Amino acid sequence: MNDVKAKPTRARQSAATLHPRILIAVLLFLGLMTMARPAAAACSKASLNGTYGFSWGWPQELYAASGNEAIVVGQMTADGKGNLTGTETVDFENSIQTSSFTGKYTIAANCTGTLSLGTADFNVYLNSSNLGFQLAITNSGLQAVGFGLPQISATCALTGKAQKLGVNLVGTIPGSSENKDIIGELTLDGKGHVTGTVSINVNYSNSVETVTGTYTELSDCTGTMKITPKGSSALNFNAVFVNSGTELLLMETDSGTVIGGTAQ
């Protein structure tokens, strides 16, 4: 009998047809997996550019010292070339003063650098995507940390739109050995009024109180806030609005207090 060559089945034909496609797909996949990812863009002075709110300080007594608690809240503008201008409110040793300043900054390719805010010098570390920064003071004999957040919004003012913010304030009453923190929720009605509930802890004694109050927001994204816990005196704050008005940097301006924090 003559040998009859068997014809390939459809299954074999399909497999033979698919193999090159599979091979190409695998090679493409492996090629994509092994391609080097683009290197992250290096930082420079241009990475810090625009207007930022900042907060730094040390609201409780330093080790082996007394009467040196401090909180600073302000606003600065970086020109992308290493120059700073701004204003700040400083609460130090029961003295609260607001003043303008000029300063310089450097940013290295690895997104670290230095920054001066008036007479205070810092190491600075840019956050992810350069949206804000972390601060650590380098002046001899001082210890303080802080941060800055971008203003982002081109315009600021009362929007008429209500928003709820979690408030976190901490500090001390110098000379009285009282540490104090205020944690809670505030509702800003967009028209200058505040309501909410807060937990107030003074030297381990805690109480929960409702609060009412008022706030202002100027066109430059700075403002004020006053909240009055039920049965207590009013608490007054300077405020800097950041992240398109969704967060506030706060510092109490009442005499004899060193208290500050955020609402976000």
Protein backbone atom coordinates (compact mmCIF):
# COMPACT_ATOMS: atom_id res chain seq x y z
CA MET A 1 0.00 0.00 0.00
CA ASN A 2 1.12 3.53 -0.76
CA ASP A 3 1.78 5.57 2.33
CA VAL A 4 -0.89 8.17 2.71
CA LYS A 5 0.21 11.25 4.55
CA ALA A 6 -2.40 12.29 7.05
CA LYS A 7 -3.70 15.79 6.62
CA PRO A 8 -3.30 17.99 9.66
CA THR A 9 -6.47 18.35 11.62
CA ARG A 10 -8.10 21.77 12.11
CA ALA A 11 -6.93 21.73 15.69
CA ARG A 12 -3.35 21.27 14.59
CA GLN A 13 -3.77 23.96 11.93
CA SER A 14 -5.16 26.37 14.49
CA ALA A 15 -2.34 25.62 16.91
CA ALA A 16 0.23 26.06 14.18
CA THR A 17 -1.38 29.37 13.23
CA LEU A 18 -1.58 30.67 16.82
CA HIS A 19 1.95 29.81 17.87
CA PRO A 20 3.63 32.69 16.03
CA ARG A 21 1.04 35.13 17.33
CA ILE A 22 1.51 33.92 20.88
CA LEU A 23 5.24 34.14 20.49
CA ILE A 24 5.04 37.70 19.21
CA ALA A 25 2.69 38.69 22.05
CA VAL A 26 5.00 37.15 24.64
CA LEU A 27 8.01 38.90 23.17
CA LEU A 28 6.19 42.22 23.16
CA PHE A 29 5.07 41.72 26.76
CA LEU A 30 8.57 40.83 27.90
CA GLY A 31 9.93 43.79 26.00
CA LEU A 32 7.53 46.16 27.72
CA MET A 33 8.29 44.65 31.12
CA THR A 34 12.01 45.06 30.65
CA MET A 35 11.90 48.59 29.27
CA ALA A 36 13.32 51.07 31.75
CA ARG A 37 10.73 53.39 33.20
CA PRO A 38 11.31 57.06 32.55
CA ALA A 39 13.37 58.58 35.34
CA ALA A 40 11.47 60.86 37.69
CA ALA A 41 11.97 64.49 36.81
CA ALA A 42 14.68 66.12 38.87
CA CYS A 43 13.76 68.94 41.21
CA SER A 44 15.12 72.48 41.00
CA LYS A 45 14.34 75.95 42.32
CA ALA A 46 11.53 76.05 39.76
CA SER A 47 9.84 73.19 41.63
CA LEU A 48 8.96 75.59 44.46
CA ASN A 49 6.91 78.23 42.67
CA GLY A 50 3.75 80.04 43.74
CA THR A 51 2.01 80.89 47.00
CA TYR A 52 2.03 78.52 49.98
CA GLY A 53 0.62 78.56 53.49
CA PHE A 54 3.05 77.31 56.13
CA SER A 55 3.00 76.34 59.78
CA TRP A 56 5.88 75.45 62.05
CA GLY A 57 6.83 75.51 65.69
CA TRP A 58 7.15 73.60 68.93
CA PRO A 59 4.04 74.19 71.04
CA GLN A 60 5.33 72.59 74.24
CA GLU A 61 8.43 73.24 76.32
CA LEU A 62 11.70 71.99 74.90
CA TYR A 63 13.80 69.50 76.81
CA ALA A 64 15.62 71.08 79.78
CA ALA A 65 14.15 74.50 79.00
CA SER A 66 11.14 76.60 79.86
CA GLY A 67 9.12 79.41 78.35
CA ASN A 68 10.28 78.83 74.78
CA GLU A 69 7.15 77.38 73.16
CA ALA A 70 6.43 78.84 69.73
CA ILE A 71 4.01 78.55 66.83
CA VAL A 72 4.28 80.37 63.51
CA VAL A 73 1.65 80.49 60.77
CA GLY A 74 2.08 82.44 57.56
CA GLN A 75 1.99 82.70 53.83
CA MET A 76 4.92 82.86 51.43
CA THR A 77 5.41 83.31 47.69
CA ALA A 78 8.30 81.54 45.93
CA ASP A 79 9.36 82.96 42.55
CA GLY A 80 10.83 79.72 41.19
CA LYS A 81 14.30 81.31 41.20
CA GLY A 82 15.26 81.06 44.88
CA ASN A 83 13.57 84.15 46.32
CA LEU A 84 10.79 84.35 48.92
CA THR A 85 8.44 87.04 50.20
CA GLY A 86 5.63 86.71 52.70
CA THR A 87 3.97 87.49 56.00
CA GLU A 88 3.84 85.50 59.23
CA THR A 89 2.31 85.62 62.68
CA VAL A 90 4.72 84.52 65.40
CA ASP A 91 3.55 83.40 68.86
CA PHE A 92 6.61 83.19 71.10
CA GLU A 93 6.95 83.66 74.87
CA ASN A 94 3.46 85.19 75.22
CA SER A 95 4.18 87.72 72.48
CA ILE A 96 2.17 87.58 69.25
CA GLN A 97 3.40 89.65 66.31
CA THR A 98 2.63 89.76 62.59
CA SER A 99 5.31 90.94 60.19
CA SER A 100 6.49 90.65 56.58
CA PHE A 101 9.72 88.94 55.54
CA THR A 102 11.98 88.14 52.61
CA GLY A 103 14.02 84.98 52.25
CA LYS A 104 15.97 82.63 50.03
CA TYR A 105 15.72 78.95 49.17
CA THR A 106 17.65 76.25 47.34
CA ILE A 107 16.32 72.99 45.90
CA ALA A 108 18.62 70.17 44.80
CA ALA A 109 17.90 67.61 42.10
CA ASN A 110 16.88 65.06 44.79
CA CYS A 111 14.09 67.44 45.96
CA THR A 112 15.77 68.44 49.23
CA GLY A 113 17.11 71.88 50.01
CA THR A 114 17.26 74.82 52.39
CA LEU A 115 14.90 77.67 53.07
CA SER A 116 14.95 80.84 55.16
CA LEU A 117 11.83 82.55 56.48
CA GLY A 118 13.11 85.80 57.88
CA THR A 119 15.62 84.86 60.58
CA ALA A 120 14.59 81.18 60.76
CA ASP A 121 16.56 78.68 58.67
CA PHE A 122 15.30 75.24 57.66
CA ASN A 123 16.09 72.05 55.84
CA VAL A 124 13.27 71.55 53.34
CA TYR A 125 11.92 68.38 51.71
CA LEU A 126 9.46 68.64 48.83
CA ASN A 127 6.37 66.45 48.99
CA SER A 128 5.24 64.07 46.23
CA SER A 129 4.69 65.91 42.92
CA ASN A 130 6.26 68.93 44.63
CA LEU A 131 2.88 69.83 46.14
CA GLY A 132 4.06 71.33 49.41
CA PHE A 133 7.02 70.63 51.65
CA GLN A 134 8.23 69.54 55.09
CA LEU A 135 10.42 71.73 57.31
CA ALA A 136 12.96 71.18 60.09
CA ILE A 137 14.61 74.19 61.72
CA THR A 138 18.42 74.33 61.74
CA ASN A 139 19.07 77.40 63.93
CA SER A 140 21.34 76.55 66.86
CA GLY A 141 19.52 76.02 70.17
CA LEU A 142 16.07 75.62 68.58
CA GLN A 143 13.90 72.62 67.82
CA ALA A 144 10.89 72.94 65.54
CA VAL A 145 9.22 71.17 62.63
CA GLY A 146 6.52 72.20 60.20
CA PHE A 147 5.14 72.03 56.68
CA GLY A 148 3.83 74.10 53.80
CA LEU A 149 0.86 73.52 51.50
CA PRO A 150 0.07 75.23 48.19
CA GLN A 151 -2.66 77.79 47.95
CA ILE A 152 -3.66 76.40 44.50
CA SER A 153 -6.83 78.49 44.13
CA ALA A 154 -6.34 81.58 42.01
CA THR A 155 -8.98 83.46 44.01
CA CYS A 156 -10.14 83.27 47.60
CA ALA A 157 -13.23 84.61 49.41
CA LEU A 158 -16.37 83.34 51.10
CA THR A 159 -17.95 80.98 48.57
CA GLY A 160 -21.43 80.49 50.02
CA LYS A 161 -20.78 76.74 49.92
CA ALA A 162 -20.80 74.86 53.23
CA GLN A 163 -18.04 72.41 54.12
CA LYS A 164 -17.21 70.21 57.10
CA LEU A 165 -13.65 70.18 58.38
CA GLY A 166 -11.93 68.13 61.06
CA VAL A 167 -10.03 70.42 63.42
CA ASN A 168 -6.83 69.41 65.24
CA LEU A 169 -5.25 71.97 67.59
CA VAL A 170 -2.55 71.44 70.19
CA GLY A 171 -0.38 73.57 72.43
CA THR A 172 0.16 74.95 75.89
CA ILE A 173 -0.65 77.80 78.26
CA PRO A 174 2.85 79.07 79.15
CA GLY A 175 3.48 79.63 82.84
CA SER A 176 0.52 77.53 83.92
CA SER A 177 1.89 74.05 83.15
CA GLU A 178 -1.28 73.38 81.13
CA ASN A 179 -1.14 71.38 77.91
CA LYS A 180 -4.24 71.66 75.76
CA ASP A 181 -5.66 70.00 72.67
CA ILE A 182 -8.87 70.53 70.75
CA ILE A 183 -10.15 67.87 68.35
CA GLY A 184 -13.49 67.95 66.59
CA GLU A 185 -15.61 68.81 63.58
CA LEU A 186 -16.49 72.28 62.36
CA THR A 187 -18.99 73.28 59.70
CA LEU A 188 -18.23 76.45 57.74
CA ASP A 189 -21.41 77.67 56.04
CA GLY A 190 -19.63 79.59 53.28
CA LYS A 191 -21.07 82.85 54.58
CA GLY A 192 -18.84 83.44 57.60
CA HIS A 193 -20.49 81.32 60.30
CA VAL A 194 -19.13 78.28 62.16
CA THR A 195 -20.88 75.53 64.11
CA GLY A 196 -19.61 72.22 65.40
CA THR A 197 -18.62 69.90 68.21
CA VAL A 198 -15.18 69.61 69.77
CA SER A 199 -13.39 67.56 72.39
CA ILE A 200 -11.23 69.74 74.67
CA ASN A 201 -8.52 68.15 76.79
CA VAL A 202 -6.57 70.18 79.36
CA ASN A 203 -4.03 68.23 81.43
CA TYR A 204 -5.88 64.92 81.00
CA SER A 205 -9.31 66.40 81.78
CA ASN A 206 -11.60 66.01 78.78
CA SER A 207 -14.93 67.60 77.89
CA VAL A 208 -17.08 67.57 74.75
CA GLU A 209 -18.72 70.87 73.83
CA THR A 210 -20.74 72.38 71.01
CA VAL A 211 -19.25 75.50 69.44
CA THR A 212 -20.51 78.46 67.46
CA GLY A 213 -18.51 81.19 65.82
CA THR A 214 -17.56 83.25 62.80
CA TYR A 215 -14.77 83.33 60.22
CA THR A 216 -13.44 85.56 57.47
CA GLU A 217 -11.60 84.74 54.23
CA LEU A 218 -9.93 87.57 52.34
CA SER A 219 -9.03 87.65 48.65
CA ASP A 220 -5.40 86.75 49.47
CA CYS A 221 -6.51 83.51 51.20
CA THR A 222 -5.76 84.73 54.72
CA GLY A 223 -8.43 85.25 57.35
CA THR A 224 -9.58 84.78 60.92
CA MET A 225 -11.74 82.39 62.91
CA LYS A 226 -13.51 82.72 66.25
CA ILE A 227 -15.13 79.75 67.96
CA THR A 228 -16.88 79.76 71.33
CA PRO A 229 -17.33 76.44 73.14
CA LYS A 230 -20.59 76.40 75.11
CA GLY A 231 -19.99 77.84 78.57
CA SER A 232 -16.47 79.06 77.74
CA SER A 233 -14.74 82.15 76.42
CA ALA A 234 -14.22 82.70 72.69
CA LEU A 235 -11.06 81.35 71.04
CA ASN A 236 -9.57 83.55 68.31
CA PHE A 237 -7.35 82.36 65.46
CA ASN A 238 -5.45 83.64 62.47
CA ALA A 239 -6.08 81.44 59.42
CA VAL A 240 -4.41 80.71 56.10
CA PHE A 241 -6.59 78.92 53.54
CA VAL A 242 -4.73 76.34 51.38
CA ASN A 243 -5.55 73.63 48.84
CA SER A 244 -8.29 75.70 47.17
CA GLY A 245 -9.82 76.57 50.53
CA THR A 246 -10.35 72.97 51.61
CA GLU A 247 -7.82 73.24 54.47
CA LEU A 248 -6.98 75.90 57.06
CA LEU A 249 -3.77 76.52 58.96
CA LEU A 250 -4.71 77.96 62.36
CA MET A 251 -2.91 79.74 65.20
CA GLU A 252 -4.63 81.01 68.34
CA THR A 253 -4.03 84.72 68.88
CA ASP A 254 -5.40 85.01 72.42
CA SER A 255 -2.84 86.35 74.88
CA GLY A 256 -1.10 83.73 77.01
CA THR A 257 -1.61 80.84 74.58
CA VAL A 258 0.69 78.94 72.23
CA ILE A 259 -1.81 76.78 70.34
CA GLY A 260 -2.14 75.96 66.66
CA GLY A 261 -3.02 73.31 64.14
CA THR A 262 -5.18 72.58 61.12
CA ALA A 263 -8.74 72.17 59.93
CA GLN A 264 -9.10 69.86 56.96
